Amino acid sequence: MAKAPSKAPAATAKKTPAPKKAGSPIELIVKACEVSLTKLNELNIEHELQSEINWCLGSFQNDQNPIGLYQMVERSLIIFKAELSKKTKGVTAKLVADLEKALKADA
């Protein structure tokens, strides 16, 4: 006679992923700066702004003061709105909306 299993196998519960958090305003502005820098680099425009964003990101890592990041995102937003109106490939309304959201998160 075969031995019956002593315990029934436990049902594996599927974990649902936790809803994504919006992130803190600081995380949003850092991400917005990084996205802006990447997009400006891809489009090969505004080299001076790219270097300033890069400098501000490094400065933020040292002193944790995000004021320069906010200024850079504001400047990037103006550029991207102009590029969006020209229908430049790669500049989307979502990109502009995400940058605006990062700026408003502090307000």
N, C-alpha and C. Protein backbone atom coordinates (compact mmCIF):
# COMPACT_ATOMS: atom_id res chain seq x y z
N MET A 1 0.82 -1.16 0.00
CA MET A 1 0.00 0.00 0.00
C MET A 1 0.88 1.24 0.00
N ALA A 2 0.53 2.22 -0.85
CA ALA A 2 1.33 3.44 -1.00
C ALA A 2 1.05 4.38 0.15
N LYS A 3 2.08 5.06 0.53
CA LYS A 3 1.97 6.00 1.64
C LYS A 3 1.30 7.29 1.15
N ALA A 4 0.34 7.76 1.88
CA ALA A 4 -0.34 9.01 1.54
C ALA A 4 0.52 10.18 2.00
N PRO A 5 0.55 11.23 1.22
CA PRO A 5 1.34 12.38 1.65
C PRO A 5 0.76 12.96 2.94
N SER A 6 1.66 13.30 3.84
CA SER A 6 1.20 13.79 5.14
C SER A 6 0.63 15.21 5.05
N LYS A 7 1.15 16.00 4.15
CA LYS A 7 0.65 17.37 4.01
C LYS A 7 0.24 17.60 2.56
N ALA A 8 -0.84 18.32 2.41
CA ALA A 8 -1.26 18.69 1.07
C ALA A 8 -0.34 19.81 0.59
N PRO A 9 0.01 19.80 -0.67
CA PRO A 9 0.88 20.87 -1.15
C PRO A 9 0.19 22.23 -0.98
N ALA A 10 0.95 23.16 -0.48
CA ALA A 10 0.39 24.50 -0.25
C ALA A 10 0.15 25.18 -1.59
N ALA A 11 -0.99 25.81 -1.68
CA ALA A 11 -1.32 26.52 -2.90
C ALA A 11 -0.41 27.75 -3.01
N THR A 12 0.17 27.90 -4.16
CA THR A 12 1.05 29.05 -4.33
C THR A 12 0.20 30.26 -4.69
N ALA A 13 0.26 31.23 -3.82
CA ALA A 13 -0.51 32.45 -4.06
C ALA A 13 0.29 33.36 -4.97
N LYS A 14 -0.38 33.84 -5.99
CA LYS A 14 0.30 34.76 -6.90
C LYS A 14 0.28 36.15 -6.28
N LYS A 15 1.44 36.71 -6.20
CA LYS A 15 1.52 38.06 -5.65
C LYS A 15 1.26 39.05 -6.77
N THR A 16 0.39 39.99 -6.48
CA THR A 16 0.15 41.05 -7.46
C THR A 16 1.18 42.14 -7.21
N PRO A 17 1.70 42.69 -8.27
CA PRO A 17 2.70 43.73 -8.07
C PRO A 17 2.09 44.94 -7.36
N ALA A 18 2.88 45.51 -6.48
CA ALA A 18 2.41 46.68 -5.75
C ALA A 18 2.24 47.83 -6.73
N PRO A 19 1.25 48.67 -6.50
CA PRO A 19 1.08 49.80 -7.40
C PRO A 19 2.31 50.70 -7.34
N LYS A 20 2.68 51.23 -8.50
CA LYS A 20 3.87 52.08 -8.54
C LYS A 20 3.60 53.37 -7.79
N LYS A 21 4.56 53.74 -6.98
CA LYS A 21 4.45 54.99 -6.25
C LYS A 21 4.90 56.11 -7.17
N ALA A 22 4.32 57.27 -6.96
CA ALA A 22 4.68 58.42 -7.77
C ALA A 22 6.11 58.84 -7.51
N GLY A 23 6.62 58.53 -6.34
CA GLY A 23 7.97 58.93 -5.99
C GLY A 23 7.96 60.29 -5.33
N SER A 24 9.04 60.56 -4.65
CA SER A 24 9.13 61.86 -4.00
C SER A 24 9.40 62.92 -5.05
N PRO A 25 9.12 64.18 -4.73
CA PRO A 25 9.41 65.25 -5.69
C PRO A 25 10.87 65.28 -6.12
N ILE A 26 11.76 64.94 -5.19
CA ILE A 26 13.19 64.93 -5.52
C ILE A 26 13.48 63.84 -6.55
N GLU A 27 12.91 62.65 -6.34
CA GLU A 27 13.14 61.56 -7.29
C GLU A 27 12.59 61.91 -8.67
N LEU A 28 11.42 62.58 -8.68
CA LEU A 28 10.81 62.96 -9.95
C LEU A 28 11.67 63.97 -10.71
N ILE A 29 12.22 64.95 -10.00
CA ILE A 29 13.00 65.99 -10.68
C ILE A 29 14.33 65.43 -11.16
N VAL A 30 14.93 64.52 -10.39
CA VAL A 30 16.18 63.90 -10.84
C VAL A 30 15.92 63.08 -12.10
N LYS A 31 14.85 62.30 -12.08
CA LYS A 31 14.49 61.50 -13.25
C LYS A 31 14.20 62.39 -14.45
N ALA A 32 13.50 63.51 -14.22
CA ALA A 32 13.19 64.43 -15.31
C ALA A 32 14.47 65.01 -15.91
N CYS A 33 15.43 65.33 -15.07
CA CYS A 33 16.72 65.85 -15.57
C CYS A 33 17.44 64.80 -16.40
N GLU A 34 17.44 63.58 -15.91
CA GLU A 34 18.12 62.50 -16.63
C GLU A 34 17.46 62.25 -17.99
N VAL A 35 16.12 62.26 -18.01
CA VAL A 35 15.39 62.06 -19.26
C VAL A 35 15.65 63.21 -20.22
N SER A 36 15.65 64.43 -19.69
CA SER A 36 15.92 65.61 -20.52
C SER A 36 17.31 65.53 -21.14
N LEU A 37 18.27 65.17 -20.33
CA LEU A 37 19.65 65.07 -20.81
C LEU A 37 19.77 64.02 -21.92
N THR A 38 19.14 62.88 -21.70
CA THR A 38 19.18 61.81 -22.70
C THR A 38 18.53 62.26 -24.00
N LYS A 39 17.37 62.89 -23.89
CA LYS A 39 16.64 63.30 -25.09
C LYS A 39 17.38 64.41 -25.84
N LEU A 40 17.94 65.37 -25.12
CA LEU A 40 18.72 66.43 -25.77
C LEU A 40 19.92 65.83 -26.49
N ASN A 41 20.54 64.85 -25.86
CA ASN A 41 21.69 64.17 -26.46
C ASN A 41 21.27 63.41 -27.72
N GLU A 42 20.14 62.72 -27.66
CA GLU A 42 19.64 61.97 -28.83
C GLU A 42 19.35 62.91 -29.99
N LEU A 43 18.76 64.07 -29.68
CA LEU A 43 18.40 65.02 -30.72
C LEU A 43 19.60 65.85 -31.18
N ASN A 44 20.69 65.78 -30.42
CA ASN A 44 21.92 66.51 -30.73
C ASN A 44 21.66 68.02 -30.80
N ILE A 45 20.95 68.53 -29.77
CA ILE A 45 20.67 69.96 -29.69
C ILE A 45 21.04 70.47 -28.30
N GLU A 46 21.19 71.78 -28.20
CA GLU A 46 21.42 72.45 -26.92
C GLU A 46 22.57 71.83 -26.12
N HIS A 47 23.75 71.86 -26.71
CA HIS A 47 24.91 71.25 -26.05
C HIS A 47 25.27 71.96 -24.75
N GLU A 48 25.09 73.27 -24.72
CA GLU A 48 25.39 74.01 -23.49
C GLU A 48 24.44 73.59 -22.36
N LEU A 49 23.16 73.46 -22.69
CA LEU A 49 22.18 73.02 -21.69
C LEU A 49 22.50 71.60 -21.22
N GLN A 50 22.93 70.74 -22.13
CA GLN A 50 23.31 69.38 -21.76
C GLN A 50 24.42 69.39 -20.72
N SER A 51 25.43 70.21 -20.95
CA SER A 51 26.55 70.24 -20.01
C SER A 51 26.12 70.84 -18.67
N GLU A 52 25.20 71.81 -18.70
CA GLU A 52 24.71 72.39 -17.45
C GLU A 52 23.87 71.39 -16.66
N ILE A 53 23.05 70.61 -17.36
CA ILE A 53 22.25 69.58 -16.68
C ILE A 53 23.18 68.55 -16.06
N ASN A 54 24.18 68.15 -16.81
CA ASN A 54 25.15 67.18 -16.32
C ASN A 54 25.84 67.71 -15.06
N TRP A 55 26.23 68.97 -15.08
CA TRP A 55 26.90 69.59 -13.93
C TRP A 55 25.94 69.63 -12.73
N CYS A 56 24.68 70.01 -12.98
CA CYS A 56 23.71 70.10 -11.88
C CYS A 56 23.43 68.74 -11.26
N LEU A 57 23.39 67.69 -12.07
CA LEU A 57 23.18 66.35 -11.53
C LEU A 57 24.34 65.96 -10.62
N GLY A 58 25.56 66.27 -11.04
CA GLY A 58 26.73 65.99 -10.21
C GLY A 58 26.72 66.81 -8.94
N SER A 59 26.34 68.08 -9.06
CA SER A 59 26.27 68.96 -7.90
C SER A 59 25.22 68.46 -6.91
N PHE A 60 24.09 67.99 -7.44
CA PHE A 60 23.02 67.48 -6.57
C PHE A 60 23.50 66.26 -5.79
N GLN A 61 24.28 65.40 -6.43
CA GLN A 61 24.79 64.22 -5.73
C GLN A 61 25.68 64.62 -4.57
N ASN A 62 26.37 65.74 -4.69
CA ASN A 62 27.26 66.18 -3.63
C ASN A 62 26.55 66.92 -2.50
N ASP A 63 25.63 67.83 -2.86
CA ASP A 63 25.04 68.67 -1.81
C ASP A 63 23.56 68.43 -1.54
N GLN A 64 22.91 67.60 -2.35
CA GLN A 64 21.49 67.26 -2.17
C GLN A 64 20.57 68.49 -2.25
N ASN A 65 21.00 69.54 -2.93
CA ASN A 65 20.18 70.73 -3.12
C ASN A 65 19.63 70.71 -4.55
N PRO A 66 18.30 70.52 -4.71
CA PRO A 66 17.74 70.31 -6.04
C PRO A 66 17.38 71.58 -6.82
N ILE A 67 17.67 72.76 -6.30
CA ILE A 67 17.21 73.98 -6.95
C ILE A 67 17.71 74.09 -8.40
N GLY A 68 18.95 73.71 -8.63
CA GLY A 68 19.49 73.75 -9.99
C GLY A 68 18.79 72.78 -10.92
N LEU A 69 18.37 71.64 -10.38
CA LEU A 69 17.66 70.66 -11.20
C LEU A 69 16.33 71.22 -11.68
N TYR A 70 15.63 71.92 -10.80
CA TYR A 70 14.35 72.53 -11.18
C TYR A 70 14.56 73.56 -12.29
N GLN A 71 15.62 74.35 -12.18
CA GLN A 71 15.90 75.35 -13.20
C GLN A 71 16.22 74.70 -14.54
N MET A 72 16.96 73.61 -14.51
CA MET A 72 17.32 72.93 -15.75
C MET A 72 16.10 72.29 -16.41
N VAL A 73 15.20 71.73 -15.61
CA VAL A 73 13.99 71.13 -16.18
C VAL A 73 13.11 72.22 -16.78
N GLU A 74 13.04 73.38 -16.13
CA GLU A 74 12.26 74.49 -16.70
C GLU A 74 12.82 74.90 -18.06
N ARG A 75 14.14 75.00 -18.15
CA ARG A 75 14.77 75.37 -19.42
C ARG A 75 14.56 74.29 -20.47
N SER A 76 14.66 73.03 -20.06
CA SER A 76 14.45 71.92 -20.99
C SER A 76 13.02 71.91 -21.50
N LEU A 77 12.10 72.20 -20.62
CA LEU A 77 10.69 72.19 -20.98
C LEU A 77 10.41 73.20 -22.10
N ILE A 78 11.01 74.37 -22.01
CA ILE A 78 10.84 75.39 -23.06
C ILE A 78 11.35 74.85 -24.40
N ILE A 79 12.51 74.22 -24.36
CA ILE A 79 13.10 73.66 -25.58
C ILE A 79 12.21 72.57 -26.16
N PHE A 80 11.74 71.66 -25.30
CA PHE A 80 10.94 70.54 -25.79
C PHE A 80 9.58 71.00 -26.30
N LYS A 81 9.00 72.03 -25.70
CA LYS A 81 7.73 72.55 -26.22
C LYS A 81 7.93 73.13 -27.62
N ALA A 82 9.04 73.83 -27.81
CA ALA A 82 9.33 74.38 -29.14
C ALA A 82 9.55 73.25 -30.15
N GLU A 83 10.27 72.21 -29.74
CA GLU A 83 10.52 71.08 -30.62
C GLU A 83 9.23 70.31 -30.92
N LEU A 84 8.35 70.24 -29.92
CA LEU A 84 7.06 69.56 -30.12
C LEU A 84 6.22 70.32 -31.14
N SER A 85 6.24 71.64 -31.07
CA SER A 85 5.47 72.43 -32.03
C SER A 85 6.04 72.29 -33.44
N LYS A 86 7.35 72.01 -33.56
CA LYS A 86 7.97 71.76 -34.86
C LYS A 86 7.78 70.31 -35.29
N LYS A 87 7.18 69.52 -34.40
CA LYS A 87 6.94 68.09 -34.65
C LYS A 87 8.25 67.33 -34.86
N THR A 88 9.24 67.65 -34.04
CA THR A 88 10.52 66.96 -34.09
C THR A 88 10.32 65.51 -33.65
N LYS A 89 10.87 64.60 -34.43
CA LYS A 89 10.72 63.18 -34.12
C LYS A 89 11.41 62.88 -32.79
N GLY A 90 10.71 62.20 -31.91
CA GLY A 90 11.27 61.81 -30.61
C GLY A 90 10.79 62.68 -29.47
N VAL A 91 10.23 63.84 -29.77
CA VAL A 91 9.69 64.71 -28.72
C VAL A 91 8.19 64.49 -28.69
N THR A 92 7.72 63.92 -27.59
CA THR A 92 6.31 63.56 -27.48
C THR A 92 5.59 64.43 -26.46
N ALA A 93 4.28 64.43 -26.56
CA ALA A 93 3.47 65.17 -25.58
C ALA A 93 3.65 64.55 -24.20
N LYS A 94 3.87 63.24 -24.14
CA LYS A 94 4.08 62.57 -22.85
C LYS A 94 5.37 63.07 -22.19
N LEU A 95 6.41 63.27 -22.97
CA LEU A 95 7.67 63.79 -22.44
C LEU A 95 7.43 65.16 -21.81
N VAL A 96 6.75 66.03 -22.53
CA VAL A 96 6.46 67.37 -22.02
C VAL A 96 5.60 67.28 -20.76
N ALA A 97 4.59 66.41 -20.77
CA ALA A 97 3.71 66.25 -19.61
C ALA A 97 4.48 65.72 -18.40
N ASP A 98 5.39 64.79 -18.62
CA ASP A 98 6.19 64.25 -17.51
C ASP A 98 7.09 65.31 -16.89
N LEU A 99 7.67 66.16 -17.72
CA LEU A 99 8.51 67.24 -17.20
C LEU A 99 7.67 68.24 -16.40
N GLU A 100 6.49 68.56 -16.93
CA GLU A 100 5.60 69.48 -16.20
C GLU A 100 5.17 68.87 -14.87
N LYS A 101 4.90 67.58 -14.87
CA LYS A 101 4.50 66.89 -13.65
C LYS A 101 5.61 66.95 -12.60
N ALA A 102 6.85 66.76 -13.04
CA ALA A 102 7.99 66.82 -12.11
C ALA A 102 8.13 68.22 -11.52
N LEU A 103 7.89 69.24 -12.33
CA LEU A 103 7.99 70.61 -11.83
C LEU A 103 6.86 70.93 -10.85
N LYS A 104 5.67 70.42 -11.13
CA LYS A 104 4.52 70.70 -10.26
C LYS A 104 4.54 69.88 -8.98
N ALA A 105 5.30 68.81 -8.95
CA ALA A 105 5.36 67.95 -7.76
C ALA A 105 5.92 68.71 -6.57
N ASP A 106 6.76 69.70 -6.84
CA ASP A 106 7.36 70.49 -5.77
C ASP A 106 6.39 71.54 -5.25
N ALA A 107 5.51 72.00 -6.12
CA ALA A 107 4.60 73.10 -5.75
C ALA A 107 3.56 72.70 -4.75
